[in-house]
Amino acid sequence: MSEELPFQSGEFARLLTSNEKLIVSHLLGGSTPVGLAEGWLDSATVIPMDDGGMGSLRFASTDSPRGITETSGEYSFQDDDGVEVLVSLNLNEDGLPFELDVWKTDFQPLLGELKLPR
């Protein structure tokens, strides 16, 4: 279990799991975004989003009012119940990871774990 760190207004930040690090790295094409140090994934903190249990995460370290401007990568997989799940890594205006968006197409909670892209 990862350690939770207080963030703001009742939200808790945590480190990425090893599975989430692999997913983010894949969606970035294995490269480090400009402005982030090599190995940044090991200390990146995220805040689970209120998305009904689908698993979306907002990056606390690059949180800003600047918002999403582009998607770095995306893929889909089938959840344990056979429903399609779409995973996207959205970047802010500075080209830094803003959120890992997970959307189960029936809007139900994710049953299994986030699966790695094939």
PDB file of N, CA and C in Angstrom:
ATOM      1  N   MET A   1       0.845  -1.180   0.000  1.00  0.00           N
ATOM      2  CA  MET A   1       0.000   0.000   0.000  1.00  0.00           C
ATOM      3  C   MET A   1       0.885   1.236   0.000  1.00  0.00           C
ATOM      4  N   SER A   2       0.562   2.204  -0.827  1.00  0.00           N
ATOM      5  CA  SER A   2       1.380   3.405  -0.907  1.00  0.00           C
ATOM      6  C   SER A   2       0.992   4.389   0.190  1.00  0.00           C
ATOM      7  N   GLU A   3       1.966   5.171   0.606  1.00  0.00           N
ATOM      8  CA  GLU A   3       1.740   6.162   1.641  1.00  0.00           C
ATOM      9  C   GLU A   3       0.951   7.325   1.073  1.00  0.00           C
ATOM     10  N   GLU A   4      -0.065   7.788   1.834  1.00  0.00           N
ATOM     11  CA  GLU A   4      -0.849   8.924   1.397  1.00  0.00           C
ATOM     12  C   GLU A   4      -0.337  10.180   2.078  1.00  0.00           C
ATOM     13  N   LEU A   5      -0.256  11.251   1.349  1.00  0.00           N
ATOM     14  CA  LEU A   5       0.229  12.523   1.851  1.00  0.00           C
ATOM     15  C   LEU A   5      -0.879  13.560   1.727  1.00  0.00           C
ATOM     16  N   PRO A   6      -1.142  14.349   2.799  1.00  0.00           N
ATOM     17  CA  PRO A   6      -2.191  15.368   2.679  1.00  0.00           C
ATOM     18  C   PRO A   6      -1.862  16.354   1.574  1.00  0.00           C
ATOM     19  N   PHE A   7      -2.838  16.733   0.803  1.00  0.00           N
ATOM     20  CA  PHE A   7      -2.612  17.676  -0.298  1.00  0.00           C
ATOM     21  C   PHE A   7      -3.409  18.935  -0.024  1.00  0.00           C
ATOM     22  N   GLN A   8      -4.629  19.032  -0.463  1.00  0.00           N
ATOM     23  CA  GLN A   8      -5.445  20.206  -0.192  1.00  0.00           C
ATOM     24  C   GLN A   8      -6.896  19.808  -0.062  1.00  0.00           C
ATOM     25  N   SER A   9      -7.602  20.518   0.755  1.00  0.00           N
ATOM     26  CA  SER A   9      -9.043  20.335   0.986  1.00  0.00           C
ATOM     27  C   SER A   9      -9.489  18.871   1.014  1.00  0.00           C
ATOM     28  N   GLY A  10      -8.852  18.071   1.846  1.00  0.00           N
ATOM     29  CA  GLY A  10      -9.265  16.692   2.034  1.00  0.00           C
ATOM     30  C   GLY A  10      -8.757  15.715   0.995  1.00  0.00           C
ATOM     31  N   GLU A  11      -8.032  16.185  -0.021  1.00  0.00           N
ATOM     32  CA  GLU A  11      -7.485  15.278  -1.030  1.00  0.00           C
ATOM     33  C   GLU A  11      -6.179  14.694  -0.503  1.00  0.00           C
ATOM     34  N   PHE A  12      -5.851  13.499  -0.938  1.00  0.00           N
ATOM     35  CA  PHE A  12      -4.604  12.877  -0.538  1.00  0.00           C
ATOM     36  C   PHE A  12      -3.785  12.501  -1.758  1.00  0.00           C
ATOM     37  N   ALA A  13      -2.527  12.895  -1.734  1.00  0.00           N
ATOM     38  CA  ALA A  13      -1.615  12.555  -2.824  1.00  0.00           C
ATOM     39  C   ALA A  13      -0.868  11.287  -2.450  1.00  0.00           C
ATOM     40  N   ARG A  14      -0.489  10.535  -3.455  1.00  0.00           N
ATOM     41  CA  ARG A  14       0.299   9.316  -3.234  1.00  0.00           C
ATOM     42  C   ARG A  14       1.263   9.155  -4.385  1.00  0.00           C
ATOM     43  N   LEU A  15       2.230   8.280  -4.194  1.00  0.00           N
ATOM     44  CA  LEU A  15       3.167   7.952  -5.272  1.00  0.00           C
ATOM     45  C   LEU A  15       2.488   7.011  -6.257  1.00  0.00           C
ATOM     46  N   LEU A  16       2.945   7.012  -7.485  1.00  0.00           N
ATOM     47  CA  LEU A  16       2.444   6.071  -8.490  1.00  0.00           C
ATOM     48  C   LEU A  16       2.823   4.646  -8.105  1.00  0.00           C
ATOM     49  N   THR A  17       1.954   3.692  -8.427  1.00  0.00           N
ATOM     50  CA  THR A  17       2.310   2.283  -8.258  1.00  0.00           C
ATOM     51  C   THR A  17       3.269   1.895  -9.385  1.00  0.00           C
ATOM     52  N   SER A  18       3.926   0.769  -9.253  1.00  0.00           N
ATOM     53  CA  SER A  18       4.852   0.331 -10.307  1.00  0.00           C
ATOM     54  C   SER A  18       4.100   0.114 -11.622  1.00  0.00           C
ATOM     55  N   ASN A  19       2.889  -0.404 -11.577  1.00  0.00           N
ATOM     56  CA  ASN A  19       2.072  -0.609 -12.768  1.00  0.00           C
ATOM     57  C   ASN A  19       1.729   0.731 -13.425  1.00  0.00           C
ATOM     58  N   GLU A  20       1.339   1.715 -12.615  1.00  0.00           N
ATOM     59  CA  GLU A  20       1.012   3.041 -13.148  1.00  0.00           C
ATOM     60  C   GLU A  20       2.237   3.696 -13.776  1.00  0.00           C
ATOM     61  N   LYS A  21       3.409   3.510 -13.181  1.00  0.00           N
ATOM     62  CA  LYS A  21       4.643   4.067 -13.756  1.00  0.00           C
ATOM     63  C   LYS A  21       4.891   3.489 -15.145  1.00  0.00           C
ATOM     64  N   LEU A  22       4.696   2.187 -15.299  1.00  0.00           N
ATOM     65  CA  LEU A  22       4.888   1.546 -16.606  1.00  0.00           C
ATOM     66  C   LEU A  22       3.907   2.100 -17.632  1.00  0.00           C
ATOM     67  N   ILE A  23       2.672   2.312 -17.221  1.00  0.00           N
ATOM     68  CA  ILE A  23       1.648   2.840 -18.128  1.00  0.00           C
ATOM     69  C   ILE A  23       2.003   4.257 -18.556  1.00  0.00           C
ATOM     70  N   VAL A  24       2.342   5.120 -17.589  1.00  0.00           N
ATOM     71  CA  VAL A  24       2.689   6.511 -17.915  1.00  0.00           C
ATOM     72  C   VAL A  24       3.910   6.558 -18.823  1.00  0.00           C
ATOM     73  N   SER A  25       4.915   5.767 -18.504  1.00  0.00           N
ATOM     74  CA  SER A  25       6.124   5.730 -19.326  1.00  0.00           C
ATOM     75  C   SER A  25       5.792   5.307 -20.762  1.00  0.00           C
ATOM     76  N   HIS A  26       4.958   4.287 -20.898  1.00  0.00           N
ATOM     77  CA  HIS A  26       4.550   3.830 -22.237  1.00  0.00           C
ATOM     78  C   HIS A  26       3.829   4.948 -22.987  1.00  0.00           C
ATOM     79  N   LEU A  27       2.907   5.635 -22.308  1.00  0.00           N
ATOM     80  CA  LEU A  27       2.123   6.673 -22.961  1.00  0.00           C
ATOM     81  C   LEU A  27       2.964   7.896 -23.319  1.00  0.00           C
ATOM     82  N   LEU A  28       4.102   8.059 -22.655  1.00  0.00           N
ATOM     83  CA  LEU A  28       5.040   9.134 -23.001  1.00  0.00           C
ATOM     84  C   LEU A  28       6.057   8.673 -24.042  1.00  0.00           C
ATOM     85  N   GLY A  29       5.917   7.459 -24.517  1.00  0.00           N
ATOM     86  CA  GLY A  29       6.856   6.933 -25.508  1.00  0.00           C
ATOM     87  C   GLY A  29       8.217   6.637 -24.914  1.00  0.00           C
ATOM     88  N   GLY A  30       8.281   6.443 -23.593  1.00  0.00           N
ATOM     89  CA  GLY A  30       9.541   6.114 -22.926  1.00  0.00           C
ATOM     90  C   GLY A  30      10.450   7.309 -22.706  1.00  0.00           C
ATOM     91  N   SER A  31      10.003   8.508 -23.061  1.00  0.00           N
ATOM     92  CA  SER A  31      10.865   9.686 -22.899  1.00  0.00           C
ATOM     93  C   SER A  31      10.473  10.489 -21.658  1.00  0.00           C
ATOM     94  N   THR A  32      11.402  11.299 -21.196  1.00  0.00           N
ATOM     95  CA  THR A  32      11.150  12.187 -20.068  1.00  0.00           C
ATOM     96  C   THR A  32      10.712  13.543 -20.610  1.00  0.00           C
ATOM     97  N   PRO A  33       9.556  14.056 -20.133  1.00  0.00           N
ATOM     98  CA  PRO A  33       9.112  15.371 -20.616  1.00  0.00           C
ATOM     99  C   PRO A  33      10.131  16.460 -20.302  1.00  0.00           C
ATOM    100  N   VAL A  34      10.245  17.425 -21.208  1.00  0.00           N
ATOM    101  CA  VAL A  34      11.144  18.567 -21.005  1.00  0.00           C
ATOM    102  C   VAL A  34      10.712  19.285 -19.727  1.00  0.00           C
ATOM    103  N   GLY A  35      11.680  19.585 -18.884  1.00  0.00           N
ATOM    104  CA  GLY A  35      11.386  20.271 -17.636  1.00  0.00           C
ATOM    105  C   GLY A  35      11.308  19.338 -16.444  1.00  0.00           C
ATOM    106  N   LEU A  36      11.337  18.029 -16.686  1.00  0.00           N
ATOM    107  CA  LEU A  36      11.322  17.068 -15.591  1.00  0.00           C
ATOM    108  C   LEU A  36      12.642  16.310 -15.571  1.00  0.00           C
ATOM    109  N   ALA A  37      13.122  16.028 -14.378  1.00  0.00           N
ATOM    110  CA  ALA A  37      14.389  15.317 -14.222  1.00  0.00           C
ATOM    111  C   ALA A  37      14.234  13.839 -14.558  1.00  0.00           C
ATOM    112  N   GLU A  38      15.322  13.249 -15.029  1.00  0.00           N
ATOM    113  CA  GLU A  38      15.351  11.804 -15.274  1.00  0.00           C
ATOM    114  C   GLU A  38      14.945  11.112 -13.972  1.00  0.00           C
ATOM    115  N   GLY A  39      14.115  10.106 -14.040  1.00  0.00           N
ATOM    116  CA  GLY A  39      13.672   9.382 -12.853  1.00  0.00           C
ATOM    117  C   GLY A  39      12.516  10.054 -12.127  1.00  0.00           C
ATOM    118  N   TRP A  40      11.902  11.054 -12.743  1.00  0.00           N
ATOM    119  CA  TRP A  40      10.810  11.797 -12.107  1.00  0.00           C
ATOM    120  C   TRP A  40       9.628  10.921 -11.731  1.00  0.00           C
ATOM    121  N   LEU A  41       9.415   9.824 -12.472  1.00  0.00           N
ATOM    122  CA  LEU A  41       8.276   8.946 -12.168  1.00  0.00           C
ATOM    123  C   LEU A  41       8.359   8.335 -10.772  1.00  0.00           C
ATOM    124  N   ASP A  42       9.581   8.143 -10.270  1.00  0.00           N
ATOM    125  CA  ASP A  42       9.743   7.536  -8.948  1.00  0.00           C
ATOM    126  C   ASP A  42       9.268   8.440  -7.825  1.00  0.00           C
ATOM    127  N   SER A  43       9.190   9.746  -8.081  1.00  0.00           N
ATOM    128  CA  SER A  43       8.747  10.667  -7.029  1.00  0.00           C
ATOM    129  C   SER A  43       7.471  11.427  -7.407  1.00  0.00           C
ATOM    130  N   ALA A  44       6.900  11.109  -8.555  1.00  0.00           N
ATOM    131  CA  ALA A  44       5.673  11.783  -8.992  1.00  0.00           C
ATOM    132  C   ALA A  44       4.529  11.443  -8.041  1.00  0.00           C
ATOM    133  N   THR A  45       3.814  12.476  -7.597  1.00  0.00           N
ATOM    134  CA  THR A  45       2.661  12.259  -6.732  1.00  0.00           C
ATOM    135  C   THR A  45       1.381  12.493  -7.523  1.00  0.00           C
ATOM    136  N   VAL A  46       0.384  11.697  -7.215  1.00  0.00           N
ATOM    137  CA  VAL A  46      -0.896  11.770  -7.901  1.00  0.00           C
ATOM    138  C   VAL A  46      -2.018  11.812  -6.883  1.00  0.00           C
ATOM    139  N   ILE A  47      -3.143  12.349  -7.321  1.00  0.00           N
ATOM    140  CA  ILE A  47      -4.343  12.409  -6.497  1.00  0.00           C
ATOM    141  C   ILE A  47      -5.434  11.638  -7.228  1.00  0.00           C
ATOM    142  N   PRO A  48      -5.975  10.591  -6.604  1.00  0.00           N
ATOM    143  CA  PRO A  48      -7.083   9.873  -7.249  1.00  0.00           C
ATOM    144  C   PRO A  48      -8.251  10.830  -7.493  1.00  0.00           C
ATOM    145  N   MET A  49      -8.817  10.754  -8.688  1.00  0.00           N
ATOM    146  CA  MET A  49      -9.916  11.645  -9.064  1.00  0.00           C
ATOM    147  C   MET A  49     -11.257  11.010  -8.700  1.00  0.00           C
ATOM    148  N   ASP A  50     -12.227  11.837  -8.444  1.00  0.00           N
ATOM    149  CA  ASP A  50     -13.577  11.391  -8.117  1.00  0.00           C
ATOM    150  C   ASP A  50     -14.288  11.043  -9.428  1.00  0.00           C
ATOM    151  N   ASP A  51     -14.030   9.823  -9.907  1.00  0.00           N
ATOM    152  CA  ASP A  51     -14.557   9.419 -11.217  1.00  0.00           C
ATOM    153  C   ASP A  51     -15.431   8.168 -11.127  1.00  0.00           C
ATOM    154  N   GLY A  52     -15.956   7.901  -9.955  1.00  0.00           N
ATOM    155  CA  GLY A  52     -16.828   6.739  -9.796  1.00  0.00           C
ATOM    156  C   GLY A  52     -16.083   5.427  -9.707  1.00  0.00           C
ATOM    157  N   GLY A  53     -14.793   5.473  -9.374  1.00  0.00           N
ATOM    158  CA  GLY A  53     -14.018   4.253  -9.202  1.00  0.00           C
ATOM    159  C   GLY A  53     -13.371   3.718 -10.461  1.00  0.00           C
ATOM    160  N   MET A  54     -13.272   4.547 -11.500  1.00  0.00           N
ATOM    161  CA  MET A  54     -12.660   4.077 -12.746  1.00  0.00           C
ATOM    162  C   MET A  54     -11.139   4.121 -12.698  1.00  0.00           C
ATOM    163  N   GLY A  55     -10.556   4.925 -11.810  1.00  0.00           N
ATOM    164  CA  GLY A  55      -9.102   4.899 -11.618  1.00  0.00           C
ATOM    165  C   GLY A  55      -8.309   6.083 -12.152  1.00  0.00           C
ATOM    166  N   SER A  56      -8.977   7.175 -12.518  1.00  0.00           N
ATOM    167  CA  SER A  56      -8.249   8.337 -13.038  1.00  0.00           C
ATOM    168  C   SER A  56      -7.414   8.996 -11.944  1.00  0.00           C
ATOM    169  N   LEU A  57      -6.273   9.575 -12.366  1.00  0.00           N
ATOM    170  CA  LEU A  57      -5.338  10.213 -11.441  1.00  0.00           C
ATOM    171  C   LEU A  57      -4.948  11.583 -11.963  1.00  0.00           C
ATOM    172  N   ARG A  58      -4.850  12.561 -11.067  1.00  0.00           N
ATOM    173  CA  ARG A  58      -4.348  13.891 -11.417  1.00  0.00           C
ATOM    174  C   ARG A  58      -2.956  14.022 -10.827  1.00  0.00           C
ATOM    175  N   PHE A  59      -2.011  14.497 -11.605  1.00  0.00           N
ATOM    176  CA  PHE A  59      -0.644  14.672 -11.130  1.00  0.00           C
ATOM    177  C   PHE A  59      -0.578  15.896 -10.228  1.00  0.00           C
ATOM    178  N   ALA A  60      -0.223  15.693  -8.957  1.00  0.00           N
ATOM    179  CA  ALA A  60      -0.128  16.799  -8.001  1.00  0.00           C
ATOM    180  C   ALA A  60       1.062  17.681  -8.320  1.00  0.00           C
ATOM    181  N   SER A  61       2.129  17.085  -8.802  1.00  0.00           N
ATOM    182  CA  SER A  61       3.361  17.830  -9.050  1.00  0.00           C
ATOM    183  C   SER A  61       3.262  18.780 -10.238  1.00  0.00           C
ATOM    184  N   THR A  62       2.332  18.560 -11.135  1.00  0.00           N
ATOM    185  CA  THR A  62       2.181  19.452 -12.286  1.00  0.00           C
ATOM    186  C   THR A  62       0.792  20.065 -12.319  1.00  0.00           C
ATOM    187  N   ASP A  63       0.112  20.032 -11.176  1.00  0.00           N
ATOM    188  CA  ASP A  63      -1.225  20.601 -11.086  1.00  0.00           C
ATOM    189  C   ASP A  63      -1.153  22.109 -11.298  1.00  0.00           C
ATOM    190  N   SER A  64      -1.972  22.609 -12.190  1.00  0.00           N
ATOM    191  CA  SER A  64      -1.991  24.051 -12.427  1.00  0.00           C
ATOM    192  C   SER A  64      -3.320  24.423 -13.065  1.00  0.00           C
ATOM    193  N   PRO A  65      -3.686  25.682 -12.995  1.00  0.00           N
ATOM    194  CA  PRO A  65      -4.934  26.102 -13.632  1.00  0.00           C
ATOM    195  C   PRO A  65      -4.833  26.136 -15.151  1.00  0.00           C
ATOM    196  N   ARG A  66      -3.666  25.806 -15.676  1.00  0.00           N
ATOM    197  CA  ARG A  66      -3.445  25.900 -17.120  1.00  0.00           C
ATOM    198  C   ARG A  66      -4.233  24.859 -17.895  1.00  0.00           C
ATOM    199  N   GLY A  67      -4.574  23.745 -17.271  1.00  0.00           N
ATOM    200  CA  GLY A  67      -5.441  22.761 -17.900  1.00  0.00           C
ATOM    201  C   GLY A  67      -4.796  21.899 -18.967  1.00  0.00           C
ATOM    202  N   ILE A  68      -5.628  21.074 -19.569  1.00  0.00           N
ATOM    203  CA  ILE A  68      -5.208  20.093 -20.559  1.00  0.00           C
ATOM    204  C   ILE A  68      -5.145  20.730 -21.938  1.00  0.00           C
ATOM    205  N   THR A  69      -4.068  20.459 -22.653  1.00  0.00           N
ATOM    206  CA  THR A  69      -3.979  20.969 -24.024  1.00  0.00           C
ATOM    207  C   THR A  69      -3.771  19.872 -25.055  1.00  0.00           C
ATOM    208  N   GLU A  70      -3.235  18.739 -24.625  1.00  0.00           N
ATOM    209  CA  GLU A  70      -3.024  17.657 -25.588  1.00  0.00           C
ATOM    210  C   GLU A  70      -2.962  16.312 -24.878  1.00  0.00           C
ATOM    211  N   THR A  71      -3.110  15.269 -25.673  1.00  0.00           N
ATOM    212  CA  THR A  71      -3.008  13.908 -25.168  1.00  0.00           C
ATOM    213  C   THR A  71      -1.708  13.316 -25.670  1.00  0.00           C
ATOM    214  N   SER A  72      -0.918  12.772 -24.739  1.00  0.00           N
ATOM    215  CA  SER A  72       0.373  12.201 -25.104  1.00  0.00           C
ATOM    216  C   SER A  72       0.224  10.821 -25.732  1.00  0.00           C
ATOM    217  N   GLY A  73      -0.728  10.069 -25.262  1.00  0.00           N
ATOM    218  CA  GLY A  73      -0.944   8.729 -25.786  1.00  0.00           C
ATOM    219  C   GLY A  73      -2.198   8.139 -25.185  1.00  0.00           C
ATOM    220  N   GLU A  74      -2.685   7.093 -25.813  1.00  0.00           N
ATOM    221  CA  GLU A  74      -3.878   6.416 -25.303  1.00  0.00           C
ATOM    222  C   GLU A  74      -3.907   4.977 -25.800  1.00  0.00           C
ATOM    223  N   TYR A  75      -4.647   4.177 -25.093  1.00  0.00           N
ATOM    224  CA  TYR A  75      -4.855   2.783 -25.483  1.00  0.00           C
ATOM    225  C   TYR A  75      -6.130   2.294 -24.812  1.00  0.00           C
ATOM    226  N   SER A  76      -6.577   1.109 -25.152  1.00  0.00           N
ATOM    227  CA  SER A  76      -7.767   0.535 -24.523  1.00  0.00           C
ATOM    228  C   SER A  76      -7.499  -0.917 -24.165  1.00  0.00           C
ATOM    229  N   PHE A  77      -8.295  -1.411 -23.237  1.00  0.00           N
ATOM    230  CA  PHE A  77      -8.245  -2.816 -22.844  1.00  0.00           C
ATOM    231  C   PHE A  77      -9.627  -3.202 -22.348  1.00  0.00           C
ATOM    232  N   GLN A  78      -9.842  -4.491 -22.155  1.00  0.00           N
ATOM    233  CA  GLN A  78     -11.111  -4.965 -21.617  1.00  0.00           C
ATOM    234  C   GLN A  78     -10.948  -5.232 -20.134  1.00  0.00           C
ATOM    235  N   ASP A  79     -11.899  -4.699 -19.334  1.00  0.00           N
ATOM    236  CA  ASP A  79     -11.919  -4.940 -17.899  1.00  0.00           C
ATOM    237  C   ASP A  79     -12.326  -6.398 -17.662  1.00  0.00           C
ATOM    238  N   ASP A  80     -12.265  -6.831 -16.432  1.00  0.00           N
ATOM    239  CA  ASP A  80     -12.572  -8.221 -16.105  1.00  0.00           C
ATOM    240  C   ASP A  80     -13.984  -8.642 -16.511  1.00  0.00           C
ATOM    241  N   ASP A  81     -14.897  -7.679 -16.672  1.00  0.00           N
ATOM    242  CA  ASP A  81     -16.253  -8.002 -17.097  1.00  0.00           C
ATOM    243  C   ASP A  81     -16.457  -7.875 -18.612  1.00  0.00           C
ATOM    244  N   GLY A  82     -15.354  -7.624 -19.346  1.00  0.00           N
ATOM    245  CA  GLY A  82     -15.424  -7.538 -20.801  1.00  0.00           C
ATOM    246  C   GLY A  82     -15.739  -6.154 -21.341  1.00  0.00           C
ATOM    247  N   VAL A  83     -15.958  -5.176 -20.470  1.00  0.00           N
ATOM    248  CA  VAL A  83     -16.281  -3.811 -20.910  1.00  0.00           C
ATOM    249  C   VAL A  83     -14.988  -3.075 -21.263  1.00  0.00           C
ATOM    250  N   GLU A  84     -15.027  -2.315 -22.371  1.00  0.00           N
ATOM    251  CA  GLU A  84     -13.844  -1.589 -22.821  1.00  0.00           C
ATOM    252  C   GLU A  84     -13.498  -0.442 -21.872  1.00  0.00           C
ATOM    253  N   VAL A  85     -12.187  -0.285 -21.626  1.00  0.00           N
ATOM    254  CA  VAL A  85     -11.658   0.796 -20.801  1.00  0.00           C
ATOM    255  C   VAL A  85     -10.662   1.572 -21.653  1.00  0.00           C
ATOM    256  N   LEU A  86     -10.814   2.897 -21.692  1.00  0.00           N
ATOM    257  CA  LEU A  86      -9.897   3.760 -22.429  1.00  0.00           C
ATOM    258  C   LEU A  86      -8.987   4.471 -21.434  1.00  0.00           C
ATOM    259  N   VAL A  87      -7.690   4.494 -21.727  1.00  0.00           N
ATOM    260  CA  VAL A  87      -6.699   5.135 -20.861  1.00  0.00           C
ATOM    261  C   VAL A  87      -5.952   6.171 -21.690  1.00  0.00           C
ATOM    262  N   SER A  88      -5.894   7.411 -21.182  1.00  0.00           N
ATOM    263  CA  SER A  88      -5.214   8.506 -21.880  1.00  0.00           C
ATOM    264  C   SER A  88      -4.322   9.254 -20.901  1.00  0.00           C
ATOM    265  N   LEU A  89      -3.186   9.713 -21.379  1.00  0.00           N
ATOM    266  CA  LEU A  89      -2.325  10.584 -20.592  1.00  0.00           C
ATOM    267  C   LEU A  89      -2.453  11.979 -21.178  1.00  0.00           C
ATOM    268  N   ASN A  90      -3.038  12.880 -20.402  1.00  0.00           N
ATOM    269  CA  ASN A  90      -3.250  14.255 -20.839  1.00  0.00           C
ATOM    270  C   ASN A  90      -2.161  15.155 -20.283  1.00  0.00           C
ATOM    271  N   LEU A  91      -1.712  16.090 -21.122  1.00  0.00           N
ATOM    272  CA  LEU A  91      -0.639  17.012 -20.750  1.00  0.00           C
ATOM    273  C   LEU A  91      -1.198  18.421 -20.578  1.00  0.00           C
ATOM    274  N   ASN A  92      -0.519  19.223 -19.735  1.00  0.00           N
ATOM    275  CA  ASN A  92      -0.932  20.615 -19.575  1.00  0.00           C
ATOM    276  C   ASN A  92      -0.264  21.486 -20.639  1.00  0.00           C
ATOM    277  N   GLU A  93      -0.459  22.797 -20.568  1.00  0.00           N
ATOM    278  CA  GLU A  93       0.088  23.714 -21.575  1.00  0.00           C
ATOM    279  C   GLU A  93       1.611  23.700 -21.627  1.00  0.00           C
ATOM    280  N   ASP A  94       2.250  23.270 -20.529  1.00  0.00           N
ATOM    281  CA  ASP A  94       3.707  23.199 -20.486  1.00  0.00           C
ATOM    282  C   ASP A  94       4.240  21.865 -21.009  1.00  0.00           C
ATOM    283  N   GLY A  95       3.332  20.974 -21.446  1.00  0.00           N
ATOM    284  CA  GLY A  95       3.740  19.671 -21.951  1.00  0.00           C
ATOM    285  C   GLY A  95       4.058  18.676 -20.856  1.00  0.00           C
ATOM    286  N   LEU A  96       3.597  18.967 -19.627  1.00  0.00           N
ATOM    287  CA  LEU A  96       3.843  18.079 -18.489  1.00  0.00           C
ATOM    288  C   LEU A  96       2.602  17.250 -18.201  1.00  0.00           C
ATOM    289  N   PRO A  97       2.784  16.025 -17.684  1.00  0.00           N
ATOM    290  CA  PRO A  97       1.624  15.190 -17.365  1.00  0.00           C
ATOM    291  C   PRO A  97       0.673  15.910 -16.411  1.00  0.00           C
ATOM    292  N   PHE A  98      -0.596  15.957 -16.786  1.00  0.00           N
ATOM    293  CA  PHE A  98      -1.630  16.612 -15.995  1.00  0.00           C
ATOM    294  C   PHE A  98      -2.546  15.573 -15.352  1.00  0.00           C
ATOM    295  N   GLU A  99      -2.959  14.572 -16.150  1.00  0.00           N
ATOM    296  CA  GLU A  99      -3.811  13.519 -15.589  1.00  0.00           C
ATOM    297  C   GLU A  99      -3.706  12.239 -16.407  1.00  0.00           C
ATOM    298  N   LEU A 100      -3.877  11.136 -15.711  1.00  0.00           N
ATOM    299  CA  LEU A 100      -4.034   9.833 -16.341  1.00  0.00           C
ATOM    300  C   LEU A 100      -5.532   9.575 -16.307  1.00  0.00           C
ATOM    301  N   ASP A 101      -6.172   9.711 -17.452  1.00  0.00           N
ATOM    302  CA  ASP A 101      -7.620   9.601 -17.540  1.00  0.00           C
ATOM    303  C   ASP A 101      -8.001   8.163 -17.853  1.00  0.00           C
ATOM    304  N   VAL A 102      -8.821   7.574 -16.996  1.00  0.00           N
ATOM    305  CA  VAL A 102      -9.301   6.207 -17.187  1.00  0.00           C
ATOM    306  C   VAL A 102     -10.819   6.280 -17.304  1.00  0.00           C
ATOM    307  N   TRP A 103     -11.344   5.771 -18.408  1.00  0.00           N
ATOM    308  CA  TRP A 103     -12.783   5.818 -18.643  1.00  0.00           C
ATOM    309  C   TRP A 103     -13.290   4.442 -19.038  1.00  0.00           C
ATOM    310  N   LYS A 104     -14.092   3.876 -18.162  1.00  0.00           N
ATOM    311  CA  LYS A 104     -14.758   2.617 -18.473  1.00  0.00           C
ATOM    312  C   LYS A 104     -16.036   2.984 -19.217  1.00  0.00           C
ATOM    313  N   THR A 105     -16.215   2.445 -20.410  1.00  0.00           N
ATOM    314  CA  THR A 105     -17.248   2.934 -21.322  1.00  0.00           C
ATOM    315  C   THR A 105     -18.678   2.758 -20.823  1.00  0.00           C
ATOM    316  N   ASP A 106     -18.888   1.983 -19.758  1.00  0.00           N
ATOM    317  CA  ASP A 106     -20.235   1.900 -19.175  1.00  0.00           C
ATOM    318  C   ASP A 106     -20.337   2.738 -17.895  1.00  0.00           C
ATOM    319  N   PHE A 107     -19.290   3.529 -17.615  1.00  0.00           N
ATOM    320  CA  PHE A 107     -19.229   4.439 -16.464  1.00  0.00           C
ATOM    321  C   PHE A 107     -19.257   3.722 -15.108  1.00  0.00           C
ATOM    322  N   GLN A 108     -19.003   2.423 -15.089  1.00  0.00           N
ATOM    323  CA  GLN A 108     -18.983   1.660 -13.845  1.00  0.00           C
ATOM    324  C   GLN A 108     -17.558   1.616 -13.294  1.00  0.00           C
ATOM    325  N   PRO A 109     -17.401   1.300 -12.005  1.00  0.00           N
ATOM    326  CA  PRO A 109     -16.050   1.193 -11.429  1.00  0.00           C
ATOM    327  C   PRO A 109     -15.230   0.096 -12.112  1.00  0.00           C
ATOM    328  N   LEU A 110     -13.943   0.320 -12.172  1.00  0.00           N
ATOM    329  CA  LEU A 110     -13.016  -0.672 -12.712  1.00  0.00           C
ATOM    330  C   LEU A 110     -13.038  -1.893 -11.801  1.00  0.00           C
ATOM    331  N   LEU A 111     -13.178  -3.080 -12.368  1.00  0.00           N
ATOM    332  CA  LEU A 111     -13.219  -4.307 -11.567  1.00  0.00           C
ATOM    333  C   LEU A 111     -11.825  -4.871 -11.330  1.00  0.00           C
ATOM    334  N   GLY A 112     -10.999  -4.847 -12.359  1.00  0.00           N
ATOM    335  CA  GLY A 112      -9.640  -5.363 -12.248  1.00  0.00           C
ATOM    336  C   GLY A 112      -8.658  -4.217 -12.085  1.00  0.00           C
ATOM    337  N   GLU A 113      -7.384  -4.529 -12.312  1.00  0.00           N
ATOM    338  CA  GLU A 113      -6.360  -3.498 -12.282  1.00  0.00           C
ATOM    339  C   GLU A 113      -6.239  -2.856 -13.659  1.00  0.00           C
ATOM    340  N   LEU A 114      -5.595  -1.693 -13.699  1.00  0.00           N
ATOM    341  CA  LEU A 114      -5.267  -1.105 -14.990  1.00  0.00           C
ATOM    342  C   LEU A 114      -4.353  -2.097 -15.704  1.00  0.00           C
ATOM    343  N   LYS A 115      -4.705  -2.442 -16.910  1.00  0.00           N
ATOM    344  CA  LYS A 115      -3.874  -3.379 -17.674  1.00  0.00           C
ATOM    345  C   LYS A 115      -2.894  -2.602 -18.525  1.00  0.00           C
ATOM    346  N   LEU A 116      -1.717  -3.161 -18.669  1.00  0.00           N
ATOM    347  CA  LEU A 116      -0.683  -2.540 -19.491  1.00  0.00           C
ATOM    348  C   LEU A 116      -1.050  -2.633 -20.962  1.00  0.00           C
ATOM    349  N   PRO A 117      -0.625  -1.633 -21.744  1.00  0.00           N
ATOM    350  CA  PRO A 117      -0.883  -1.696 -23.178  1.00  0.00           C
ATOM    351  C   PRO A 117      -0.168  -2.877 -23.805  1.00  0.00           C
ATOM    352  N   ARG A 118      -0.740  -3.427 -24.862  1.00  0.00           N
ATOM    353  CA  ARG A 118      -0.113  -4.561 -25.559  1.00  0.00           C
ATOM    354  C   ARG A 118       0.778  -4.077 -26.644  1.00  0.00           C
TER     355      ARG A 118
END
